[in-house]
Amino acid sequence: MRRIPNFVLLRAFEAAARLESFTLAAEELHLSQSAISHQVKELETYFGLPLFHRRNRRVETTAEGRRLFDSLGRVFDVIEAACSEVALSPQAQVLAVHCAPSLAVKWLGPRLPKFMQAHPDITIRLSSGAEPIDLTRMHEVDIAISYGMAVERPGLHVYPLGAERIVPMCSPGMLRDGVSLEQQIADFTLIDSQLSRVTWRDWFTLNGLAFPNKPRPSFDRGALAISAAVDGMGIALETTRLAEREFARGELIEFGEGHFKPFMRETHFLSYRTNERNLDKVKLFRLWLADIAGMTAQWQAAAAL
């Protein structure tokens, strides 16, 4: 058996902590205020420490109570989502997609509403993480889109989302008239993307320039590096796929476009289990993803579709 307190006690505590009131928690759970108070007291006895500071008309969590509440909130959200999925109509399907964080925020997420409109019976459950996941072990995930590399094992199909253009990008306001591009790039603050497979040293070597060895601000997500460039912190070296909206709005420009050589690299990869390739929800998502990534012809040639 799991070593956890009675769920009824946890439910009473979560409601009281969220509403900061035993009275409001009692109203929400259709119990008496006295019942909530007794259930919270029983939970405090279980842990051997107080979970609330009692005030005149409200309660506040102690440090231990806050820690418990923060964790319980996430657990209750998962339980609520699971119950909602069970209650879906018989023809409904849940598609669990795990995606690299920056791609999820900057590229995939803004496009998902169109997929959902076209396929209203498929409910997307999106999660993110920087490290590639192994779909032969994580059976709760249907499709993975990873950055940098993908786990390749028997029983998995892995396909790139196409070569991406990796270039220096900065706010238009950073450009200086009458100063050569080479001098400007040497003077700029260079923003590092920690996880990027293409470094500033690689870019300077590709373009035959001396690498300026000076301190550089660093971010562990491409999306953060792009936001820093928009804010004028410096110049970022990132894929234009992640900065599509910033380029479209004129917040960023490609520095030295047509003058400097860009990198073209396959950086994002689709993975799914071979024995699930013909599942309706998986196949529809693959077809849609191939279309928006401009990879339909290539994946057809590779028998991915």
Foldseek 3Di string as FASTA:
>chain_A
DDPDDDVVLVLLLLLQAVVQALCVSCVVVVHHSVVSVVSQVVVCVVVVHHQWDDDDGGIHGDPVNVVSNVVVVVVVVVVVVVVVVVPADPQAEEAEEEEAVLCCPQPVVVCVVVVCVVPVRYHYDYHYDQDADDCVPPVVHFKYKYWADHDDDPQKDKDFLFWFWWFKKAFPVLDDPPDDLLVSLLPWAEEAAVPDPAGPVNQCVQQVHDDNPDDHHYDPDPLVSVVCRLVVNTIYTGTVSSVVVCVVVRSMDGRCVVHGDIDIGRTMMMMGGPVCLPPPVNVSVVVVSCVVSVNPVVCVVVVSD
